[in-house]
Structures are given as C-alpha cells and as structure tokens.
Amino acid sequence: MATHKSAEKRHKQSLVRRDRNRRALSTIRTSIKSALSAAKSGAGDTSAILSKAVSLIDSAGAKRLLHPNAAARTISRLQKRVNNISASK
C-alpha cells in the first residue's frame, strides 16, 4: 500500500481511470454486438447503430483508450461484417 500522500493520490486516480476505461470499453463492446445483431435481424436502423458504434470506437482511438490503428482495424472489420451480413439477406 502507498505510504506517501502523493502515492495515495496517484493510486486513487488510477482506480478512477481504470473504472472509466472499463466502462468505455464495455460500452464499445456492447455497441459492436448491437450493430451485429441489428444487421442479422434486418432492422431498419442498422446504419444508425453502426455509425454510433463507429463513433465510439473512433473516439476511443483518438483518446488513446485503444491504439489508433487497433481502432481503425476494429472499425474496418465491423463494417465488413455488417456489409456481409446485409448482403447475404
């Protein structure tokens, strides 16, 4: 455990950041799943759900929550999967 006041503060900050990052990544994973399920069900608002997921992933890459290249790769793969699902229907 931290013994200095500054170390205690840094530990508290790291816990807050960890929780914030976990929530953000969970939201991204949920939006990806909802975009894929909307494409599979053939819902009319698939493009809106997909654009929301892409926006979340892109902002996570810009904030360095994800590596920017990893964010771009995830967006590309997601769009490809949604397009393939939509085309097969």
C-alpha atoms as a PDB file:
ATOM      1  CA  MET A   1       0.000   0.000   0.000  1.00  0.00           C
ATOM      2  CA  ALA A   2       1.102   3.559  -0.614  1.00  0.00           C
ATOM      3  CA  THR A   3       2.887   5.254   2.242  1.00  0.00           C
ATOM      4  CA  HIS A   4       3.243   8.780   0.864  1.00  0.00           C
ATOM      5  CA  LYS A   5       0.388  11.172   0.413  1.00  0.00           C
ATOM      6  CA  SER A   6       1.196  11.688  -3.258  1.00  0.00           C
ATOM      7  CA  ALA A   7       1.341   7.916  -3.827  1.00  0.00           C
ATOM      8  CA  GLU A   8      -2.071   7.523  -2.197  1.00  0.00           C
ATOM      9  CA  LYS A   9      -3.458  10.184  -4.517  1.00  0.00           C
ATOM     10  CA  ARG A  10      -1.951   8.529  -7.575  1.00  0.00           C
ATOM     11  CA  HIS A  11      -3.436   5.188  -6.539  1.00  0.00           C
ATOM     12  CA  LYS A  12      -6.865   6.751  -6.131  1.00  0.00           C
ATOM     13  CA  GLN A  13      -6.541   8.404  -9.549  1.00  0.00           C
ATOM     14  CA  SER A  14      -5.543   5.117 -11.147  1.00  0.00           C
ATOM     15  CA  LEU A  15      -8.629   3.412  -9.722  1.00  0.00           C
ATOM     16  CA  VAL A  16     -10.894   6.151 -11.090  1.00  0.00           C
ATOM     17  CA  ARG A  17      -9.248   5.935 -14.512  1.00  0.00           C
ATOM     18  CA  ARG A  18      -9.485   2.140 -14.537  1.00  0.00           C
ATOM     19  CA  ASP A  19     -13.218   2.294 -13.842  1.00  0.00           C
ATOM     20  CA  ARG A  20     -13.734   4.937 -16.528  1.00  0.00           C
ATOM     21  CA  ASN A  21     -11.763   2.917 -19.076  1.00  0.00           C
ATOM     22  CA  ARG A  22     -13.614  -0.300 -18.219  1.00  0.00           C
ATOM     23  CA  ARG A  23     -16.973   1.419 -18.681  1.00  0.00           C
ATOM     24  CA  ALA A  24     -15.893   2.883 -22.010  1.00  0.00           C
ATOM     25  CA  LEU A  25     -14.599  -0.442 -23.343  1.00  0.00           C
ATOM     26  CA  SER A  26     -17.730  -2.215 -22.156  1.00  0.00           C
ATOM     27  CA  THR A  27     -19.873   0.348 -23.963  1.00  0.00           C
ATOM     28  CA  ILE A  28     -17.851  -0.198 -27.136  1.00  0.00           C
ATOM     29  CA  ARG A  29     -18.244  -3.976 -26.941  1.00  0.00           C
ATOM     30  CA  THR A  30     -21.979  -3.608 -26.353  1.00  0.00           C
ATOM     31  CA  SER A  31     -22.384  -1.269 -29.318  1.00  0.00           C
ATOM     32  CA  ILE A  32     -20.487  -3.691 -31.577  1.00  0.00           C
ATOM     33  CA  LYS A  33     -22.760  -6.534 -30.506  1.00  0.00           C
ATOM     34  CA  SER A  34     -25.877  -4.440 -31.043  1.00  0.00           C
ATOM     35  CA  ALA A  35     -24.705  -3.416 -34.530  1.00  0.00           C
ATOM     36  CA  LEU A  36     -24.120  -7.040 -35.480  1.00  0.00           C
ATOM     37  CA  SER A  37     -27.437  -8.185 -34.055  1.00  0.00           C
ATOM     38  CA  ALA A  38     -29.264  -5.354 -35.839  1.00  0.00           C
ATOM     39  CA  ALA A  39     -27.661  -6.418 -39.116  1.00  0.00           C
ATOM     40  CA  LYS A  40     -28.641 -10.058 -38.511  1.00  0.00           C
ATOM     41  CA  SER A  41     -32.230  -9.202 -37.634  1.00  0.00           C
ATOM     42  CA  GLY A  42     -32.533  -6.872 -40.621  1.00  0.00           C
ATOM     43  CA  ALA A  43     -33.662  -3.906 -38.554  1.00  0.00           C
ATOM     44  CA  GLY A  44     -34.145  -0.681 -40.484  1.00  0.00           C
ATOM     45  CA  ASP A  45     -31.892   1.399 -38.255  1.00  0.00           C
ATOM     46  CA  THR A  46     -28.761  -0.711 -38.781  1.00  0.00           C
ATOM     47  CA  SER A  47     -26.850   2.210 -40.275  1.00  0.00           C
ATOM     48  CA  ALA A  48     -27.601   4.430 -37.281  1.00  0.00           C
ATOM     49  CA  ILE A  49     -26.500   1.755 -34.815  1.00  0.00           C
ATOM     50  CA  LEU A  50     -23.382   1.071 -36.878  1.00  0.00           C
ATOM     51  CA  SER A  51     -22.479   4.756 -37.058  1.00  0.00           C
ATOM     52  CA  LYS A  52     -22.868   5.040 -33.259  1.00  0.00           C
ATOM     53  CA  ALA A  53     -20.510   2.081 -32.768  1.00  0.00           C
ATOM     54  CA  VAL A  54     -18.000   3.504 -35.246  1.00  0.00           C
ATOM     55  CA  SER A  55     -18.152   6.852 -33.466  1.00  0.00           C
ATOM     56  CA  LEU A  56     -17.466   5.264 -30.076  1.00  0.00           C
ATOM     57  CA  ILE A  57     -14.542   3.224 -31.416  1.00  0.00           C
ATOM     58  CA  ASP A  58     -13.089   6.210 -33.236  1.00  0.00           C
ATOM     59  CA  SER A  59     -13.271   8.449 -30.173  1.00  0.00           C
ATOM     60  CA  ALA A  60     -11.631   5.716 -28.074  1.00  0.00           C
ATOM     61  CA  GLY A  61      -8.787   5.639 -30.593  1.00  0.00           C
ATOM     62  CA  ALA A  62      -8.470   9.414 -30.537  1.00  0.00           C
ATOM     63  CA  LYS A  63      -8.330   9.403 -26.725  1.00  0.00           C
ATOM     64  CA  ARG A  64      -5.729   6.593 -26.810  1.00  0.00           C
ATOM     65  CA  LEU A  65      -8.037   4.265 -24.904  1.00  0.00           C
ATOM     66  CA  LEU A  66      -7.388   1.982 -27.859  1.00  0.00           C
ATOM     67  CA  HIS A  67      -4.387   2.250 -30.134  1.00  0.00           C
ATOM     68  CA  PRO A  68      -5.471   4.311 -33.161  1.00  0.00           C
ATOM     69  CA  ASN A  69      -4.525   1.535 -35.573  1.00  0.00           C
ATOM     70  CA  ALA A  70      -6.419  -1.019 -33.483  1.00  0.00           C
ATOM     71  CA  ALA A  71      -9.459   1.260 -33.539  1.00  0.00           C
ATOM     72  CA  ALA A  72      -9.236   1.630 -37.314  1.00  0.00           C
ATOM     73  CA  ARG A  73      -8.840  -2.128 -37.721  1.00  0.00           C
ATOM     74  CA  THR A  74     -11.854  -2.790 -35.486  1.00  0.00           C
ATOM     75  CA  ILE A  75     -13.986  -0.318 -37.437  1.00  0.00           C
ATOM     76  CA  SER A  76     -12.938  -1.865 -40.735  1.00  0.00           C
ATOM     77  CA  ARG A  77     -13.715  -5.397 -39.595  1.00  0.00           C
ATOM     78  CA  LEU A  78     -17.045  -4.351 -38.110  1.00  0.00           C
ATOM     79  CA  GLN A  79     -18.144  -2.597 -41.282  1.00  0.00           C
ATOM     80  CA  LYS A  80     -17.072  -5.568 -43.378  1.00  0.00           C
ATOM     81  CA  ARG A  81     -19.045  -7.981 -41.180  1.00  0.00           C
ATOM     82  CA  VAL A  82     -22.169  -5.821 -41.229  1.00  0.00           C
ATOM     83  CA  ASN A  83     -21.950  -5.438 -45.007  1.00  0.00           C
ATOM     84  CA  ASN A  84     -21.531  -9.191 -45.486  1.00  0.00           C
ATOM     85  CA  ILE A  85     -24.485  -9.944 -43.222  1.00  0.00           C
ATOM     86  CA  SER A  86     -26.645  -7.371 -45.001  1.00  0.00           C
ATOM     87  CA  ALA A  87     -25.647  -8.643 -48.436  1.00  0.00           C
ATOM     88  CA  SER A  88     -26.441 -12.239 -47.569  1.00  0.00           C
ATOM     89  CA  LYS A  89     -30.018 -11.380 -46.537  1.00  0.00           C
END
